Amino acid sequence: MSEFTDIIGQSKLTLVDFYATWCGPCKMQAPILEYVKNRVGDKANVIKIDVDKNQDLARQYRVQSIPTLIAFRDGEPVWRGAGLHQADQLVAKINELLNVKDWDIDR
Protein backbone atom coordinates (compact mmCIF):
# COMPACT_ATOMS: atom_id res chain seq x y z
CA MET A 1 0.00 0.00 0.00
CA SER A 2 2.91 2.36 0.59
CA GLU A 3 3.90 1.92 -3.07
CA PHE A 4 0.38 3.00 -4.08
CA THR A 5 0.60 6.01 -1.76
CA ASP A 6 3.98 6.94 -3.26
CA ILE A 7 2.63 6.73 -6.81
CA ILE A 8 -0.52 8.79 -6.23
CA GLY A 9 1.42 11.22 -4.04
CA GLN A 10 3.41 12.49 -7.01
CA SER A 11 2.68 15.84 -8.61
CA LYS A 12 2.31 13.86 -11.84
CA LEU A 13 -1.31 13.00 -12.61
CA THR A 14 -2.10 9.32 -11.93
CA LEU A 15 -5.22 7.63 -13.30
CA VAL A 16 -6.13 4.57 -11.22
CA ASP A 17 -8.40 1.84 -12.57
CA PHE A 18 -10.09 -0.04 -9.72
CA TYR A 19 -11.15 -3.32 -11.34
CA ALA A 20 -11.77 -7.03 -10.78
CA THR A 21 -10.65 -9.92 -12.99
CA TRP A 22 -14.18 -11.36 -13.13
CA CYS A 23 -15.81 -8.06 -14.19
CA GLY A 24 -16.97 -7.89 -17.84
CA PRO A 25 -16.86 -4.08 -18.20
CA CYS A 26 -13.42 -4.10 -16.51
CA LYS A 27 -12.16 -6.51 -19.18
CA MET A 28 -13.48 -4.15 -21.86
CA GLN A 29 -11.86 -1.16 -20.11
CA ALA A 30 -8.38 -2.76 -20.05
CA PRO A 31 -7.44 -2.31 -23.74
CA ILE A 32 -8.93 1.18 -23.70
CA LEU A 33 -6.65 2.10 -20.80
CA GLU A 34 -3.64 0.64 -22.64
CA TYR A 35 -4.46 2.88 -25.59
CA VAL A 36 -4.87 5.89 -23.27
CA LYS A 37 -1.58 5.06 -21.55
CA ASN A 38 0.16 5.04 -24.93
CA ARG A 39 -1.48 8.32 -25.95
CA VAL A 40 -0.52 10.24 -22.80
CA GLY A 41 2.96 8.74 -22.54
CA ASP A 42 4.93 10.07 -19.60
CA LYS A 43 2.57 13.00 -19.01
CA ALA A 44 0.47 10.86 -16.64
CA ASN A 45 0.61 7.48 -14.90
CA VAL A 46 -2.08 4.89 -15.59
CA ILE A 47 -2.23 2.04 -13.07
CA LYS A 48 -4.63 -0.78 -12.19
CA ILE A 49 -5.72 -1.90 -8.72
CA ASP A 50 -7.51 -5.24 -8.29
CA VAL A 51 -10.25 -4.60 -5.72
CA ASP A 52 -10.32 -8.25 -4.65
CA LYS A 53 -6.62 -8.17 -3.75
CA ASN A 54 -6.74 -4.61 -2.37
CA GLN A 55 -10.01 -4.43 -0.46
CA ASP A 56 -8.67 -1.86 2.01
CA LEU A 57 -7.84 0.57 -0.82
CA ALA A 58 -11.22 -0.01 -2.45
CA ARG A 59 -12.91 0.72 0.87
CA GLN A 60 -10.70 3.75 1.57
CA TYR A 61 -11.62 5.34 -1.78
CA ARG A 62 -15.26 4.24 -1.56
CA VAL A 63 -15.21 2.11 -4.69
CA GLN A 64 -18.73 0.74 -4.85
CA SER A 65 -18.92 -0.28 -8.51
CA ILE A 66 -16.30 -1.39 -10.95
CA PRO A 67 -14.64 -0.29 -13.01
CA THR A 68 -14.10 2.94 -11.10
CA LEU A 69 -11.46 5.35 -12.36
CA ILE A 70 -9.95 7.94 -10.02
CA ALA A 71 -7.36 10.52 -11.06
CA PHE A 72 -4.96 11.66 -8.34
CA ARG A 73 -2.48 14.50 -8.07
CA ASP A 74 -0.37 15.12 -4.97
CA GLY A 75 -2.22 12.30 -3.19
CA GLU A 76 -5.63 13.90 -3.66
CA PRO A 77 -8.42 12.69 -5.95
CA VAL A 78 -9.09 15.31 -8.65
CA TRP A 79 -11.60 13.33 -10.73
CA ARG A 80 -13.67 10.18 -10.41
CA GLY A 81 -15.80 8.19 -12.82
CA ALA A 82 -17.59 4.85 -12.55
CA GLY A 83 -18.39 2.48 -15.38
CA LEU A 84 -16.87 1.92 -18.79
CA HIS A 85 -15.19 4.98 -20.33
CA GLN A 86 -14.19 5.42 -23.95
CA ALA A 87 -10.62 6.33 -24.91
CA ASP A 88 -11.45 9.75 -26.34
CA GLN A 89 -13.37 10.68 -23.19
CA LEU A 90 -10.43 9.66 -20.99
CA VAL A 91 -7.83 11.43 -23.11
CA ALA A 92 -9.98 14.58 -23.09
CA LYS A 93 -10.38 14.36 -19.30
CA ILE A 94 -6.64 13.87 -18.82
CA ASN A 95 -5.99 16.83 -21.13
CA GLU A 96 -8.38 18.91 -19.05
CA LEU A 97 -6.74 17.83 -15.78
CA LEU A 98 -3.30 18.55 -17.22
CA ASN A 99 -4.60 21.85 -18.58
CA VAL A 100 -3.29 21.17 -22.08
CA LYS A 101 -4.87 21.45 -25.51
CA ASP A 102 -5.80 18.24 -27.33
CA TRP A 103 -2.89 18.48 -29.75
CA ASP A 104 -0.34 18.78 -26.92
CA ILE A 105 -0.93 15.26 -25.60
CA ASP A 106 0.50 13.59 -28.72
CA ARG A 107 3.90 15.29 -28.49
C-alpha atoms as a PDB file:
ATOM      1  CA  MET A   1       0.000   0.000   0.000  1.00  0.00           C
ATOM      2  CA  SER A   2       2.911   2.356   0.594  1.00  0.00           C
ATOM      3  CA  GLU A   3       3.897   1.919  -3.071  1.00  0.00           C
ATOM      4  CA  PHE A   4       0.381   3.004  -4.080  1.00  0.00           C
ATOM      5  CA  THR A   5       0.599   6.014  -1.756  1.00  0.00           C
ATOM      6  CA  ASP A   6       3.977   6.943  -3.261  1.00  0.00           C
ATOM      7  CA  ILE A   7       2.630   6.731  -6.812  1.00  0.00           C
ATOM      8  CA  ILE A   8      -0.522   8.792  -6.231  1.00  0.00           C
ATOM      9  CA  GLY A   9       1.421  11.225  -4.037  1.00  0.00           C
ATOM     10  CA  GLN A  10       3.406  12.491  -7.008  1.00  0.00           C
ATOM     11  CA  SER A  11       2.675  15.838  -8.611  1.00  0.00           C
ATOM     12  CA  LYS A  12       2.313  13.865 -11.844  1.00  0.00           C
ATOM     13  CA  LEU A  13      -1.311  12.997 -12.611  1.00  0.00           C
ATOM     14  CA  THR A  14      -2.102   9.323 -11.925  1.00  0.00           C
ATOM     15  CA  LEU A  15      -5.218   7.631 -13.301  1.00  0.00           C
ATOM     16  CA  VAL A  16      -6.131   4.570 -11.219  1.00  0.00           C
ATOM     17  CA  ASP A  17      -8.403   1.842 -12.568  1.00  0.00           C
ATOM     18  CA  PHE A  18     -10.091  -0.042  -9.719  1.00  0.00           C
ATOM     19  CA  TYR A  19     -11.151  -3.324 -11.337  1.00  0.00           C
ATOM     20  CA  ALA A  20     -11.772  -7.034 -10.785  1.00  0.00           C
ATOM     21  CA  THR A  21     -10.652  -9.920 -12.987  1.00  0.00           C
ATOM     22  CA  TRP A  22     -14.181 -11.360 -13.134  1.00  0.00           C
ATOM     23  CA  CYS A  23     -15.814  -8.055 -14.188  1.00  0.00           C
ATOM     24  CA  GLY A  24     -16.972  -7.892 -17.837  1.00  0.00           C
ATOM     25  CA  PRO A  25     -16.858  -4.083 -18.205  1.00  0.00           C
ATOM     26  CA  CYS A  26     -13.422  -4.101 -16.510  1.00  0.00           C
ATOM     27  CA  LYS A  27     -12.162  -6.506 -19.179  1.00  0.00           C
ATOM     28  CA  MET A  28     -13.481  -4.146 -21.862  1.00  0.00           C
ATOM     29  CA  GLN A  29     -11.857  -1.159 -20.109  1.00  0.00           C
ATOM     30  CA  ALA A  30      -8.383  -2.762 -20.045  1.00  0.00           C
ATOM     31  CA  PRO A  31      -7.439  -2.315 -23.745  1.00  0.00           C
ATOM     32  CA  ILE A  32      -8.931   1.181 -23.697  1.00  0.00           C
ATOM     33  CA  LEU A  33      -6.649   2.100 -20.804  1.00  0.00           C
ATOM     34  CA  GLU A  34      -3.636   0.639 -22.640  1.00  0.00           C
ATOM     35  CA  TYR A  35      -4.461   2.881 -25.590  1.00  0.00           C
ATOM     36  CA  VAL A  36      -4.868   5.894 -23.273  1.00  0.00           C
ATOM     37  CA  LYS A  37      -1.584   5.064 -21.554  1.00  0.00           C
ATOM     38  CA  ASN A  38       0.160   5.038 -24.935  1.00  0.00           C
ATOM     39  CA  ARG A  39      -1.479   8.319 -25.948  1.00  0.00           C
ATOM     40  CA  VAL A  40      -0.517  10.239 -22.801  1.00  0.00           C
ATOM     41  CA  GLY A  41       2.964   8.738 -22.543  1.00  0.00           C
ATOM     42  CA  ASP A  42       4.935  10.071 -19.597  1.00  0.00           C
ATOM     43  CA  LYS A  43       2.570  13.003 -19.007  1.00  0.00           C
ATOM     44  CA  ALA A  44       0.465  10.858 -16.644  1.00  0.00           C
ATOM     45  CA  ASN A  45       0.607   7.484 -14.900  1.00  0.00           C
ATOM     46  CA  VAL A  46      -2.081   4.891 -15.587  1.00  0.00           C
ATOM     47  CA  ILE A  47      -2.235   2.038 -13.069  1.00  0.00           C
ATOM     48  CA  LYS A  48      -4.628  -0.784 -12.187  1.00  0.00           C
ATOM     49  CA  ILE A  49      -5.720  -1.901  -8.723  1.00  0.00           C
ATOM     50  CA  ASP A  50      -7.509  -5.243  -8.290  1.00  0.00           C
ATOM     51  CA  VAL A  51     -10.247  -4.601  -5.725  1.00  0.00           C
ATOM     52  CA  ASP A  52     -10.321  -8.254  -4.652  1.00  0.00           C
ATOM     53  CA  LYS A  53      -6.624  -8.168  -3.752  1.00  0.00           C
ATOM     54  CA  ASN A  54      -6.737  -4.607  -2.369  1.00  0.00           C
ATOM     55  CA  GLN A  55     -10.013  -4.433  -0.459  1.00  0.00           C
ATOM     56  CA  ASP A  56      -8.674  -1.855   2.006  1.00  0.00           C
ATOM     57  CA  LEU A  57      -7.835   0.567  -0.819  1.00  0.00           C
ATOM     58  CA  ALA A  58     -11.216  -0.007  -2.445  1.00  0.00           C
ATOM     59  CA  ARG A  59     -12.911   0.724   0.870  1.00  0.00           C
ATOM     60  CA  GLN A  60     -10.702   3.753   1.567  1.00  0.00           C
ATOM     61  CA  TYR A  61     -11.622   5.338  -1.781  1.00  0.00           C
ATOM     62  CA  ARG A  62     -15.264   4.237  -1.558  1.00  0.00           C
ATOM     63  CA  VAL A  63     -15.213   2.112  -4.687  1.00  0.00           C
ATOM     64  CA  GLN A  64     -18.734   0.744  -4.852  1.00  0.00           C
ATOM     65  CA  SER A  65     -18.916  -0.276  -8.509  1.00  0.00           C
ATOM     66  CA  ILE A  66     -16.304  -1.387 -10.953  1.00  0.00           C
ATOM     67  CA  PRO A  67     -14.645  -0.290 -13.014  1.00  0.00           C
ATOM     68  CA  THR A  68     -14.096   2.937 -11.103  1.00  0.00           C
ATOM     69  CA  LEU A  69     -11.461   5.348 -12.355  1.00  0.00           C
ATOM     70  CA  ILE A  70      -9.952   7.940 -10.023  1.00  0.00           C
ATOM     71  CA  ALA A  71      -7.360  10.524 -11.062  1.00  0.00           C
ATOM     72  CA  PHE A  72      -4.958  11.656  -8.340  1.00  0.00           C
ATOM     73  CA  ARG A  73      -2.484  14.496  -8.069  1.00  0.00           C
ATOM     74  CA  ASP A  74      -0.367  15.118  -4.968  1.00  0.00           C
ATOM     75  CA  GLY A  75      -2.217  12.299  -3.194  1.00  0.00           C
ATOM     76  CA  GLU A  76      -5.629  13.897  -3.656  1.00  0.00           C
ATOM     77  CA  PRO A  77      -8.416  12.695  -5.945  1.00  0.00           C
ATOM     78  CA  VAL A  78      -9.092  15.307  -8.649  1.00  0.00           C
ATOM     79  CA  TRP A  79     -11.604  13.334 -10.733  1.00  0.00           C
ATOM     80  CA  ARG A  80     -13.669  10.181 -10.409  1.00  0.00           C
ATOM     81  CA  GLY A  81     -15.804   8.192 -12.823  1.00  0.00           C
ATOM     82  CA  ALA A  82     -17.588   4.852 -12.545  1.00  0.00           C
ATOM     83  CA  GLY A  83     -18.387   2.484 -15.378  1.00  0.00           C
ATOM     84  CA  LEU A  84     -16.869   1.924 -18.788  1.00  0.00           C
ATOM     85  CA  HIS A  85     -15.187   4.980 -20.325  1.00  0.00           C
ATOM     86  CA  GLN A  86     -14.190   5.422 -23.948  1.00  0.00           C
ATOM     87  CA  ALA A  87     -10.619   6.326 -24.910  1.00  0.00           C
ATOM     88  CA  ASP A  88     -11.454   9.750 -26.342  1.00  0.00           C
ATOM     89  CA  GLN A  89     -13.368  10.677 -23.186  1.00  0.00           C
ATOM     90  CA  LEU A  90     -10.431   9.663 -20.988  1.00  0.00           C
ATOM     91  CA  VAL A  91      -7.827  11.428 -23.110  1.00  0.00           C
ATOM     92  CA  ALA A  92      -9.984  14.582 -23.086  1.00  0.00           C
ATOM     93  CA  LYS A  93     -10.378  14.360 -19.298  1.00  0.00           C
ATOM     94  CA  ILE A  94      -6.639  13.873 -18.815  1.00  0.00           C
ATOM     95  CA  ASN A  95      -5.988  16.834 -21.131  1.00  0.00           C
ATOM     96  CA  GLU A  96      -8.376  18.910 -19.046  1.00  0.00           C
ATOM     97  CA  LEU A  97      -6.738  17.835 -15.783  1.00  0.00           C
ATOM     98  CA  LEU A  98      -3.297  18.549 -17.216  1.00  0.00           C
ATOM     99  CA  ASN A  99      -4.600  21.849 -18.582  1.00  0.00           C
ATOM    100  CA  VAL A 100      -3.291  21.168 -22.082  1.00  0.00           C
ATOM    101  CA  LYS A 101      -4.874  21.449 -25.505  1.00  0.00           C
ATOM    102  CA  ASP A 102      -5.795  18.242 -27.330  1.00  0.00           C
ATOM    103  CA  TRP A 103      -2.894  18.479 -29.746  1.00  0.00           C
ATOM    104  CA  ASP A 104      -0.344  18.777 -26.916  1.00  0.00           C
ATOM    105  CA  ILE A 105      -0.932  15.258 -25.597  1.00  0.00           C
ATOM    106  CA  ASP A 106       0.496  13.590 -28.718  1.00  0.00           C
ATOM    107  CA  ARG A 107       3.900  15.289 -28.487  1.00  0.00           C
END
